[in-house]
C-alpha atoms as a PDB file:
ATOM      1  CA  MET A   1       9.833  52.131 -42.375  1.00  0.00           C
ATOM      2  CA  SER A   2      12.756  50.430 -44.110  1.00  0.00           C
ATOM      3  CA  ILE A   3      12.553  47.049 -45.824  1.00  0.00           C
ATOM      4  CA  VAL A   4      14.517  45.472 -42.967  1.00  0.00           C
ATOM      5  CA  GLU A   5      12.225  47.005 -40.340  1.00  0.00           C
ATOM      6  CA  ARG A   6       9.131  45.839 -42.221  1.00  0.00           C
ATOM      7  CA  ALA A   7      10.595  42.311 -42.430  1.00  0.00           C
ATOM      8  CA  LEU A   8      11.343  42.244 -38.703  1.00  0.00           C
ATOM      9  CA  GLU A   9       7.857  43.515 -37.878  1.00  0.00           C
ATOM     10  CA  LYS A  10       6.324  40.867 -40.137  1.00  0.00           C
ATOM     11  CA  ASN A  11       8.440  38.176 -38.474  1.00  0.00           C
ATOM     12  CA  ARG A  12       7.310  39.278 -35.008  1.00  0.00           C
ATOM     13  CA  THR A  13       3.622  38.984 -35.932  1.00  0.00           C
ATOM     14  CA  THR A  14       3.814  35.971 -38.249  1.00  0.00           C
ATOM     15  CA  LYS A  15       1.515  33.189 -37.100  1.00  0.00           C
ATOM     16  CA  VAL A  16       2.971  29.746 -36.637  1.00  0.00           C
ATOM     17  CA  GLY A  17       0.321  27.042 -36.600  1.00  0.00           C
ATOM     18  CA  GLY A  18      -2.326  29.766 -36.616  1.00  0.00           C
ATOM     19  CA  ILE A  19      -0.921  31.480 -33.466  1.00  0.00           C
ATOM     20  CA  SER A  20       1.097  34.674 -33.547  1.00  0.00           C
ATOM     21  CA  ARG A  21       4.365  34.857 -31.638  1.00  0.00           C
ATOM     22  CA  PRO A  22       2.966  37.157 -28.898  1.00  0.00           C
ATOM     23  CA  GLU A  23       0.028  34.770 -28.496  1.00  0.00           C
ATOM     24  CA  ARG A  24       2.382  31.800 -28.288  1.00  0.00           C
ATOM     25  CA  LYS A  25       4.410  33.535 -25.565  1.00  0.00           C
ATOM     26  CA  ALA A  26       1.250  34.334 -23.594  1.00  0.00           C
ATOM     27  CA  GLU A  27       0.071  30.718 -23.869  1.00  0.00           C
ATOM     28  CA  ALA A  28       3.495  29.469 -22.757  1.00  0.00           C
ATOM     29  CA  ASP A  29       3.311  31.741 -19.710  1.00  0.00           C
ATOM     30  CA  ARG A  30      -0.171  30.430 -18.882  1.00  0.00           C
ATOM     31  CA  SER A  31       1.051  26.847 -19.291  1.00  0.00           C
ATOM     32  CA  LEU A  32       3.924  27.533 -16.889  1.00  0.00           C
ATOM     33  CA  VAL A  33       1.485  28.899 -14.317  1.00  0.00           C
ATOM     34  CA  ARG A  34      -0.713  25.810 -14.709  1.00  0.00           C
ATOM     35  CA  THR A  35       2.313  23.516 -14.294  1.00  0.00           C
ATOM     36  CA  GLU A  36       3.460  25.367 -11.176  1.00  0.00           C
ATOM     37  CA  SER A  37      -0.076  25.204  -9.763  1.00  0.00           C
ATOM     38  CA  ALA A  38      -0.278  21.459 -10.402  1.00  0.00           C
ATOM     39  CA  ALA A  39       3.096  20.975  -8.734  1.00  0.00           C
ATOM     40  CA  ALA A  40       1.935  23.002  -5.729  1.00  0.00           C
ATOM     41  CA  ILE A  41      -1.234  20.915  -5.445  1.00  0.00           C
ATOM     42  CA  ALA A  42       0.774  17.676  -5.706  1.00  0.00           C
ATOM     43  CA  SER A  43       3.142  18.962  -3.013  1.00  0.00           C
ATOM     44  CA  GLU A  44       0.211  19.699  -0.708  1.00  0.00           C
ATOM     45  CA  GLN A  45      -1.126  16.176  -1.255  1.00  0.00           C
ATOM     46  CA  ARG A  46       2.139  14.452  -0.428  1.00  0.00           C
ATOM     47  CA  ILE A  47       2.029  12.081   2.519  1.00  0.00           C
ATOM     48  CA  LEU A  48       3.817  13.291   5.617  1.00  0.00           C
ATOM     49  CA  ALA A  49       5.030  10.692   8.093  1.00  0.00           C
ATOM     50  CA  THR A  50       6.258  10.933  11.665  1.00  0.00           C
ATOM     51  CA  ALA A  51       9.587   9.112  12.029  1.00  0.00           C
ATOM     52  CA  MET A  52       9.537   6.286  14.581  1.00  0.00           C
ATOM     53  CA  THR A  53      12.525   4.421  16.021  1.00  0.00           C
ATOM     54  CA  LEU A  54      12.173   0.657  16.272  1.00  0.00           C
ATOM     55  CA  ASP A  55      13.553  -1.466  19.086  1.00  0.00           C
ATOM     56  CA  ARG A  56      15.776  -4.019  17.315  1.00  0.00           C
ATOM     57  CA  ASP A  57      15.434  -6.620  20.061  1.00  0.00           C
ATOM     58  CA  HIS A  58      11.654  -6.259  19.958  1.00  0.00           C
ATOM     59  CA  CYS A  59      11.711  -6.715  16.165  1.00  0.00           C
ATOM     60  CA  ARG A  60      13.909  -9.815  16.347  1.00  0.00           C
ATOM     61  CA  ASP A  61      11.645 -11.348  18.981  1.00  0.00           C
ATOM     62  CA  ARG A  62       8.693 -10.904  16.639  1.00  0.00           C
ATOM     63  CA  ARG A  63      10.593 -12.070  13.541  1.00  0.00           C
ATOM     64  CA  LEU A  64      10.376  -8.725  11.782  1.00  0.00           C
ATOM     65  CA  LEU A  65      12.883  -8.512   8.944  1.00  0.00           C
ATOM     66  CA  VAL A  66      13.960  -4.916   9.472  1.00  0.00           C
ATOM     67  CA  GLU A  67      16.626  -3.726   7.071  1.00  0.00           C
ATOM     68  CA  GLY A  68      20.083  -3.357   8.571  1.00  0.00           C
ATOM     69  CA  ASP A  69      19.589  -6.014  11.218  1.00  0.00           C
ATOM     70  CA  GLN A  70      22.562  -8.354  10.770  1.00  0.00           C
ATOM     71  CA  ASP A  71      20.811 -11.114  12.720  1.00  0.00           C
ATOM     72  CA  ASN A  72      18.005 -11.465  10.180  1.00  0.00           C
ATOM     73  CA  ASP A  73      17.309 -14.977   8.937  1.00  0.00           C
ATOM     74  CA  GLY A  74      18.791 -15.069   5.417  1.00  0.00           C
ATOM     75  CA  ALA A  75      16.394 -17.766   4.255  1.00  0.00           C
ATOM     76  CA  ALA A  76      13.385 -15.733   5.397  1.00  0.00           C
ATOM     77  CA  VAL A  77      14.711 -12.589   3.703  1.00  0.00           C
ATOM     78  CA  ALA A  78      15.169 -14.530   0.462  1.00  0.00           C
ATOM     79  CA  ALA A  79      11.685 -16.015   0.755  1.00  0.00           C
ATOM     80  CA  TYR A  80      10.084 -12.601   1.174  1.00  0.00           C
ATOM     81  CA  ARG A  81      12.136 -11.276  -1.723  1.00  0.00           C
ATOM     82  CA  MET A  82      10.682 -14.022  -3.911  1.00  0.00           C
ATOM     83  CA  LEU A  83       7.168 -13.266  -2.671  1.00  0.00           C
ATOM     84  CA  ARG A  84       7.726  -9.558  -3.339  1.00  0.00           C
ATOM     85  CA  THR A  85       8.971 -10.156  -6.863  1.00  0.00           C
ATOM     86  CA  ARG A  86       6.114 -12.432  -7.851  1.00  0.00           C
ATOM     87  CA  LEU A  87       3.482 -10.229  -6.269  1.00  0.00           C
ATOM     88  CA  LEU A  88       4.821  -7.041  -7.872  1.00  0.00           C
ATOM     89  CA  HIS A  89       4.919  -8.812 -11.237  1.00  0.00           C
ATOM     90  CA  ARG A  90       1.258  -9.753 -10.878  1.00  0.00           C
ATOM     91  CA  ALA A  91       0.433  -6.208  -9.741  1.00  0.00           C
ATOM     92  CA  ARG A  92       2.107  -4.714 -12.816  1.00  0.00           C
ATOM     93  CA  THR A  93       0.492  -7.087 -15.302  1.00  0.00           C
ATOM     94  CA  SER A  94      -2.940  -6.812 -13.664  1.00  0.00           C
ATOM     95  CA  GLY A  95      -2.859  -3.109 -12.870  1.00  0.00           C
ATOM     96  CA  TRP A  96      -3.251  -3.668  -9.118  1.00  0.00           C
ATOM     97  CA  THR A  97      -2.560  -0.898  -6.614  1.00  0.00           C
ATOM     98  CA  THR A  98      -4.416  -2.082  -3.504  1.00  0.00           C
ATOM     99  CA  ILE A  99      -3.759  -5.582  -2.123  1.00  0.00           C
ATOM    100  CA  ALA A 100      -5.422  -6.858   1.049  1.00  0.00           C
ATOM    101  CA  VAL A 101      -3.650  -9.411   3.255  1.00  0.00           C
ATOM    102  CA  THR A 102      -6.012 -11.738   5.090  1.00  0.00           C
ATOM    103  CA  SER A 103      -6.352 -15.325   6.316  1.00  0.00           C
ATOM    104  CA  ALA A 104      -9.021 -17.897   6.987  1.00  0.00           C
ATOM    105  CA  GLY A 105      -8.739 -17.753  10.768  1.00  0.00           C
ATOM    106  CA  PRO A 106      -6.703 -16.106  13.529  1.00  0.00           C
ATOM    107  CA  ASN A 107      -3.024 -16.718  14.372  1.00  0.00           C
ATOM    108  CA  ASP A 108      -1.973 -17.559  10.804  1.00  0.00           C
ATOM    109  CA  GLY A 109       0.655 -14.784  10.674  1.00  0.00           C
ATOM    110  CA  LYS A 110      -1.087 -12.388   8.286  1.00  0.00           C
ATOM    111  CA  THR A 111       0.079  -9.238  10.108  1.00  0.00           C
ATOM    112  CA  LEU A 112       3.683 -10.422  10.230  1.00  0.00           C
ATOM    113  CA  THR A 113       3.456 -11.336   6.542  1.00  0.00           C
ATOM    114  CA  ALA A 114       2.027  -7.905   5.678  1.00  0.00           C
ATOM    115  CA  LEU A 115       4.773  -6.106   7.617  1.00  0.00           C
ATOM    116  CA  ASN A 116       7.685  -8.124   6.241  1.00  0.00           C
ATOM    117  CA  LEU A 117       6.261  -7.884   2.728  1.00  0.00           C
ATOM    118  CA  ALA A 118       5.996  -4.094   3.124  1.00  0.00           C
ATOM    119  CA  PHE A 119       9.631  -3.923   4.327  1.00  0.00           C
ATOM    120  CA  SER A 120      10.753  -6.025   1.370  1.00  0.00           C
ATOM    121  CA  MET A 121       8.765  -4.002  -1.181  1.00  0.00           C
ATOM    122  CA  ALA A 122      10.092  -0.712   0.209  1.00  0.00           C
ATOM    123  CA  ARG A 123      13.622  -1.792  -0.692  1.00  0.00           C
ATOM    124  CA  GLU A 124      12.631  -1.092  -4.325  1.00  0.00           C
ATOM    125  CA  LYS A 125      12.985   2.677  -4.190  1.00  0.00           C
ATOM    126  CA  SER A 126      11.009   3.218  -7.402  1.00  0.00           C
ATOM    127  CA  ARG A 127       7.781   2.574  -5.492  1.00  0.00           C
ATOM    128  CA  GLU A 128       6.100   4.043  -2.472  1.00  0.00           C
ATOM    129  CA  ILE A 129       4.597   1.448  -0.133  1.00  0.00           C
ATOM    130  CA  ILE A 130       1.685   2.103   2.203  1.00  0.00           C
ATOM    131  CA  LEU A 131       0.592  -0.333   4.907  1.00  0.00           C
ATOM    132  CA  LEU A 132      -2.828   0.173   6.500  1.00  0.00           C
ATOM    133  CA  ASP A 133      -3.920  -1.793   9.579  1.00  0.00           C
ATOM    134  CA  MET A 134      -7.623  -2.269   8.855  1.00  0.00           C
ATOM    135  CA  ASP A 135      -8.029  -5.158  11.284  1.00  0.00           C
ATOM    136  CA  MET A 136      -9.776  -2.665  13.509  1.00  0.00           C
ATOM    137  CA  ARG A 137     -11.307  -5.127  15.969  1.00  0.00           C
ATOM    138  CA  ASN A 138      -7.838  -6.452  16.762  1.00  0.00           C
ATOM    139  CA  PRO A 139      -5.252  -3.953  15.461  1.00  0.00           C
ATOM    140  CA  SER A 140      -1.824  -5.608  15.510  1.00  0.00           C
ATOM    141  CA  VAL A 141       0.557  -3.689  13.215  1.00  0.00           C
ATOM    142  CA  CYS A 142       1.591  -1.046  15.768  1.00  0.00           C
ATOM    143  CA  ARG A 143       1.732  -3.618  18.569  1.00  0.00           C
ATOM    144  CA  THR A 144       3.957  -5.905  16.485  1.00  0.00           C
ATOM    145  CA  LEU A 145       6.259  -2.980  15.666  1.00  0.00           C
ATOM    146  CA  GLY A 146       6.260  -1.815  19.273  1.00  0.00           C
ATOM    147  CA  VAL A 147       5.251   1.773  18.430  1.00  0.00           C
ATOM    148  CA  GLN A 148       2.492   4.169  19.501  1.00  0.00           C
ATOM    149  CA  PRO A 149       1.081   6.195  16.584  1.00  0.00           C
ATOM    150  CA  VAL A 150       0.617   9.925  17.054  1.00  0.00           C
ATOM    151  CA  ARG A 151      -2.928   9.611  15.696  1.00  0.00           C
ATOM    152  CA  GLN A 152      -5.055   6.496  15.336  1.00  0.00           C
ATOM    153  CA  LEU A 153      -6.093   5.341  11.873  1.00  0.00           C
ATOM    154  CA  ARG A 154      -9.633   5.000  13.145  1.00  0.00           C
ATOM    155  CA  ASP A 155      -9.566   8.741  13.958  1.00  0.00           C
ATOM    156  CA  TYR A 156      -9.335   9.398  10.237  1.00  0.00           C
ATOM    157  CA  LEU A 157     -12.225   7.067   9.449  1.00  0.00           C
ATOM    158  CA  GLU A 158     -14.276   8.784  12.154  1.00  0.00           C
ATOM    159  CA  ARG A 159     -13.438  12.167  10.539  1.00  0.00           C
ATOM    160  CA  SER A 160     -11.507  13.477  13.533  1.00  0.00           C
ATOM    161  CA  SER A 161      -8.179  13.532  11.698  1.00  0.00           C
ATOM    162  CA  ASN A 162      -6.814  14.053   8.185  1.00  0.00           C
ATOM    163  CA  THR A 163      -4.578  11.963   5.935  1.00  0.00           C
ATOM    164  CA  LYS A 164      -1.342  13.739   6.821  1.00  0.00           C
ATOM    165  CA  ASP A 165      -1.726  13.118  10.565  1.00  0.00           C
ATOM    166  CA  ILE A 166      -2.040   9.338  10.665  1.00  0.00           C
ATOM    167  CA  PHE A 167       1.135   8.046   8.981  1.00  0.00           C
ATOM    168  CA  PHE A 168       4.498   7.166  10.463  1.00  0.00           C
ATOM    169  CA  SER A 169       7.729   5.793   9.039  1.00  0.00           C
ATOM    170  CA  VAL A 170      10.207   3.293  10.452  1.00  0.00           C
ATOM    171  CA  GLY A 171      13.444   3.940   8.613  1.00  0.00           C
ATOM    172  CA  ARG A 172      12.365   3.904   4.976  1.00  0.00           C
ATOM    173  CA  GLU A 173      11.393   7.180   3.313  1.00  0.00           C
ATOM    174  CA  ASN A 174       9.160   5.362   0.817  1.00  0.00           C
ATOM    175  CA  LEU A 175       7.287   3.287   3.415  1.00  0.00           C
ATOM    176  CA  TYR A 176       4.269   4.768   5.174  1.00  0.00           C
ATOM    177  CA  ILE A 177       2.322   2.953   7.902  1.00  0.00           C
ATOM    178  CA  ALA A 178      -0.974   3.812   9.588  1.00  0.00           C
ATOM    179  CA  GLY A 179      -2.684   1.831  12.311  1.00  0.00           C
ATOM    180  CA  SER A 180      -4.455   1.891  15.632  1.00  0.00           C
ATOM    181  CA  THR A 181      -3.870   0.531  19.083  1.00  0.00           C
ATOM    182  CA  VAL A 182      -7.448   0.901  20.324  1.00  0.00           C
ATOM    183  CA  PRO A 183      -9.964  -1.691  19.022  1.00  0.00           C
ATOM    184  CA  THR A 184     -13.352  -0.676  17.684  1.00  0.00           C
ATOM    185  CA  GLU A 185     -16.517  -2.738  17.510  1.00  0.00           C
ATOM    186  CA  HIS A 186     -18.048  -0.825  14.592  1.00  0.00           C
ATOM    187  CA  ALA A 187     -15.295  -1.683  12.122  1.00  0.00           C
ATOM    188  CA  SER A 188     -17.651  -2.795   9.332  1.00  0.00           C
ATOM    189  CA  GLU A 189     -19.447   0.540   9.378  1.00  0.00           C
ATOM    190  CA  LEU A 190     -16.160   2.469   9.204  1.00  0.00           C
ATOM    191  CA  LEU A 191     -14.802   0.322   6.370  1.00  0.00           C
ATOM    192  CA  SER A 192     -17.995   0.674   4.334  1.00  0.00           C
ATOM    193  CA  SER A 193     -18.066   4.458   4.735  1.00  0.00           C
ATOM    194  CA  PRO A 194     -17.019   6.879   1.955  1.00  0.00           C
ATOM    195  CA  ARG A 195     -14.136   7.913   4.205  1.00  0.00           C
ATOM    196  CA  PHE A 196     -12.277   4.700   3.334  1.00  0.00           C
ATOM    197  CA  ASP A 197     -12.658   5.461  -0.384  1.00  0.00           C
ATOM    198  CA  GLU A 198     -11.373   8.993   0.234  1.00  0.00           C
ATOM    199  CA  LEU A 199      -8.306   7.607   1.984  1.00  0.00           C
ATOM    200  CA  ILE A 200      -7.417   5.299  -0.924  1.00  0.00           C
ATOM    201  CA  ALA A 201      -7.961   8.143  -3.413  1.00  0.00           C
ATOM    202  CA  ASP A 202      -5.731  10.477  -1.375  1.00  0.00           C
ATOM    203  CA  LEU A 203      -2.983   7.848  -1.230  1.00  0.00           C
ATOM    204  CA  LYS A 204      -3.037   7.337  -4.994  1.00  0.00           C
ATOM    205  CA  ARG A 205      -2.804  11.095  -5.596  1.00  0.00           C
ATOM    206  CA  GLY A 206      -0.127  11.717  -2.985  1.00  0.00           C
ATOM    207  CA  THR A 207       2.338   8.936  -3.799  1.00  0.00           C
ATOM    208  CA  VAL A 208       4.539   7.820  -6.669  1.00  0.00           C
ATOM    209  CA  ASN A 209       3.844   4.414  -8.214  1.00  0.00           C
ATOM    210  CA  PRO A 210       2.167   3.194  -4.992  1.00  0.00           C
ATOM    211  CA  ILE A 211       1.315  -0.236  -3.649  1.00  0.00           C
ATOM    212  CA  VAL A 212      -1.198  -0.133  -0.787  1.00  0.00           C
ATOM    213  CA  LEU A 213      -1.127  -3.197   1.483  1.00  0.00           C
ATOM    214  CA  ILE A 214      -4.166  -3.564   3.744  1.00  0.00           C
ATOM    215  CA  ASP A 215      -4.079  -5.857   6.767  1.00  0.00           C
ATOM    216  CA  LEU A 216      -7.653  -7.168   7.141  1.00  0.00           C
ATOM    217  CA  PRO A 217      -9.302  -9.476   9.688  1.00  0.00           C
ATOM    218  CA  PRO A 218      -9.607 -13.206   8.947  1.00  0.00           C
ATOM    219  CA  VAL A 219     -12.329 -13.984   6.418  1.00  0.00           C
ATOM    220  CA  LEU A 220     -14.124 -16.546   8.583  1.00  0.00           C
ATOM    221  CA  VAL A 221     -14.162 -14.360  11.722  1.00  0.00           C
ATOM    222  CA  THR A 222     -15.893 -11.147  10.571  1.00  0.00           C
ATOM    223  CA  ASP A 223     -17.467  -9.714   7.426  1.00  0.00           C
ATOM    224  CA  ASP A 224     -14.875  -6.904   7.220  1.00  0.00           C
ATOM    225  CA  ALA A 225     -12.904  -8.497   4.362  1.00  0.00           C
ATOM    226  CA  LEU A 226     -16.080  -8.891   2.320  1.00  0.00           C
ATOM    227  CA  VAL A 227     -17.051  -5.286   3.055  1.00  0.00           C
ATOM    228  CA  VAL A 228     -13.712  -4.032   1.723  1.00  0.00           C
ATOM    229  CA  ALA A 229     -13.479  -6.524  -1.174  1.00  0.00           C
ATOM    230  CA  PRO A 230     -15.272  -4.383  -3.805  1.00  0.00           C
ATOM    231  CA  LYS A 231     -12.997  -1.440  -2.979  1.00  0.00           C
ATOM    232  CA  ILE A 232      -9.625  -3.156  -3.511  1.00  0.00           C
ATOM    233  CA  ASP A 233      -7.823  -4.886  -6.380  1.00  0.00           C
ATOM    234  CA  ALA A 234      -6.820  -8.301  -4.989  1.00  0.00           C
ATOM    235  CA  PHE A 235      -6.400 -10.503  -1.908  1.00  0.00           C
ATOM    236  CA  LEU A 236      -3.307 -12.273  -0.611  1.00  0.00           C
ATOM    237  CA  VAL A 237      -4.423 -15.122   1.657  1.00  0.00           C
ATOM    238  CA  VAL A 238      -2.104 -16.365   4.423  1.00  0.00           C
ATOM    239  CA  ALA A 239      -2.291 -19.917   5.776  1.00  0.00           C
ATOM    240  CA  SER A 240      -0.100 -21.473   8.451  1.00  0.00           C
ATOM    241  CA  GLU A 241       1.281 -24.986   8.209  1.00  0.00           C
ATOM    242  CA  GLY A 242       0.180 -27.023  11.200  1.00  0.00           C
ATOM    243  CA  GLN A 243      -2.270 -24.290  12.218  1.00  0.00           C
ATOM    244  CA  THR A 244      -4.745 -23.658   9.403  1.00  0.00           C
ATOM    245  CA  ASN A 245      -7.372 -26.219   8.547  1.00  0.00           C
ATOM    246  CA  ARG A 246      -7.362 -26.973   4.814  1.00  0.00           C
ATOM    247  CA  ALA A 247     -11.169 -26.891   4.728  1.00  0.00           C
ATOM    248  CA  ASP A 248     -11.116 -23.402   6.239  1.00  0.00           C
ATOM    249  CA  VAL A 249      -8.763 -22.167   3.519  1.00  0.00           C
ATOM    250  CA  HIS A 250     -11.072 -23.511   0.800  1.00  0.00           C
ATOM    251  CA  ARG A 251     -14.077 -21.967   2.520  1.00  0.00           C
ATOM    252  CA  ALA A 252     -12.321 -18.588   2.733  1.00  0.00           C
ATOM    253  CA  LEU A 253     -11.378 -18.768  -0.953  1.00  0.00           C
ATOM    254  CA  GLU A 254     -14.957 -19.626  -1.837  1.00  0.00           C
ATOM    255  CA  LEU A 255     -16.234 -16.588   0.066  1.00  0.00           C
ATOM    256  CA  LEU A 256     -13.734 -14.418  -1.831  1.00  0.00           C
ATOM    257  CA  GLY A 257     -14.393 -16.280  -5.076  1.00  0.00           C
ATOM    258  CA  GLU A 258     -15.768 -13.375  -7.095  1.00  0.00           C
ATOM    259  CA  PHE A 259     -12.727 -11.217  -6.316  1.00  0.00           C
ATOM    260  CA  PRO A 260      -9.125 -11.524  -7.607  1.00  0.00           C
ATOM    261  CA  ILE A 261      -6.815 -13.682  -5.480  1.00  0.00           C
ATOM    262  CA  ALA A 262      -3.150 -12.714  -5.829  1.00  0.00           C
ATOM    263  CA  GLY A 263      -2.021 -15.976  -4.251  1.00  0.00           C
ATOM    264  CA  VAL A 264      -1.863 -18.068  -1.097  1.00  0.00           C
ATOM    265  CA  VAL A 265       1.091 -17.764   1.272  1.00  0.00           C
ATOM    266  CA  LEU A 266       1.943 -20.840   3.338  1.00  0.00           C
ATOM    267  CA  ASN A 267       3.500 -19.483   6.505  1.00  0.00           C
ATOM    268  CA  ARG A 268       5.768 -21.567   8.783  1.00  0.00           C
ATOM    269  CA  ALA A 269       6.363 -24.090   5.991  1.00  0.00           C
ATOM    270  CA  VAL A 270       8.991 -26.712   6.825  1.00  0.00           C
ATOM    271  CA  ASP A 271       9.422 -28.376   3.433  1.00  0.00           C
ATOM    272  CA  THR A 272      11.616 -25.687   1.857  1.00  0.00           C
ATOM    273  CA  ALA A 273      14.321 -24.892   4.394  1.00  0.00           C
ATOM    274  CA  PRO A 274      14.770 -25.137   8.156  1.00  0.00           C
ATOM    275  CA  GLY A 275      13.416 -22.345  10.286  1.00  0.00           C
ATOM    276  CA  TYR A 276      11.184 -19.507   9.259  1.00  0.00           C
ATOM    277  CA  ASP A 277      10.011 -19.980   5.683  1.00  0.00           C
ATOM    278  CA  TYR A 278       6.888 -20.290   3.630  1.00  0.00           C
ATOM    279  CA  GLY A 279       5.626 -21.170   0.210  1.00  0.00           C
ATOM    280  CA  TYR A 280       3.700 -19.048  -2.255  1.00  0.00           C
ATOM    281  CA  ASP A 281       1.049 -20.559  -4.494  1.00  0.00           C
ATOM    282  CA  THR A 282      -1.039 -18.947  -7.216  1.00  0.00           C
ATOM    283  CA  SER A 283      -2.803 -22.134  -8.291  1.00  0.00           C
ATOM    284  CA  GLU A 284      -5.840 -21.075  -6.261  1.00  0.00           C
ATOM    285  CA  ALA A 285      -5.940 -17.662  -7.917  1.00  0.00           C
ATOM    286  CA  LYS A 286      -9.300 -16.986  -9.464  1.00  0.00           C
ATOM    287  CA  GLY A 287     -11.888 -14.315  -9.987  1.00  0.00           C
ATOM    288  CA  GLY A 288     -11.494 -10.973 -11.667  1.00  0.00           C
ATOM    289  CA  ARG A 289     -13.072  -7.639 -12.348  1.00  0.00           C
END
């Protein structure tokens, strides 16, 4: 063997960092296989959503701020944009992923707030937004949108469906919605089951930079919000001017006192601008984990 051949052979078998070149190539091949496997797993876990078409007149009648509707109230759009910005800032600084939207009592506009907030958040394409209707005794998200889901969210919680079957979209690729149209009387049992935890875990694995909004029943009506409270990151409490009793709001906040409060939304406020507006207050925010 010539000097040149011996040098080339030595170079081929020289160890770099304690690993020979053939070993390094084999490890690189194994790493590529692992990367491709991880990508395949992530692809399998991605959320699939059935596309739904919304009735624009129906949405306007229910004050839904659907993107592309030229008749939207500009003041309301701006108000939700402000709410979105402040809430996302708090989510980033606090590490929140799951935020429940609730109220003290019924008819305060929590479902409308959750929907319009989800629409507004989905306009930031860097995030994927999931809205879950967990007000299972009185499911309102699908009814407000005017759609019929292919599969009910409660089917998943009752283990008769899987994650990929229950979601639908309404014009935004990064917005996923799941809900029911049929009420259930054993909501507390479903929400306290491990199946709810599995759903949240699946959503975190199958989405990019997610925010999960959860529409929950009023705090003073059922115990569902308290059942879910240990499983989520924070609450957004909706009150309605001229509708919500101040004492009820304080009582609801006291019941949620040991859990983080993202803020209080004052719906139908009239002291900011005419029409459909609200205020957002974090002065009541307390608690933490």
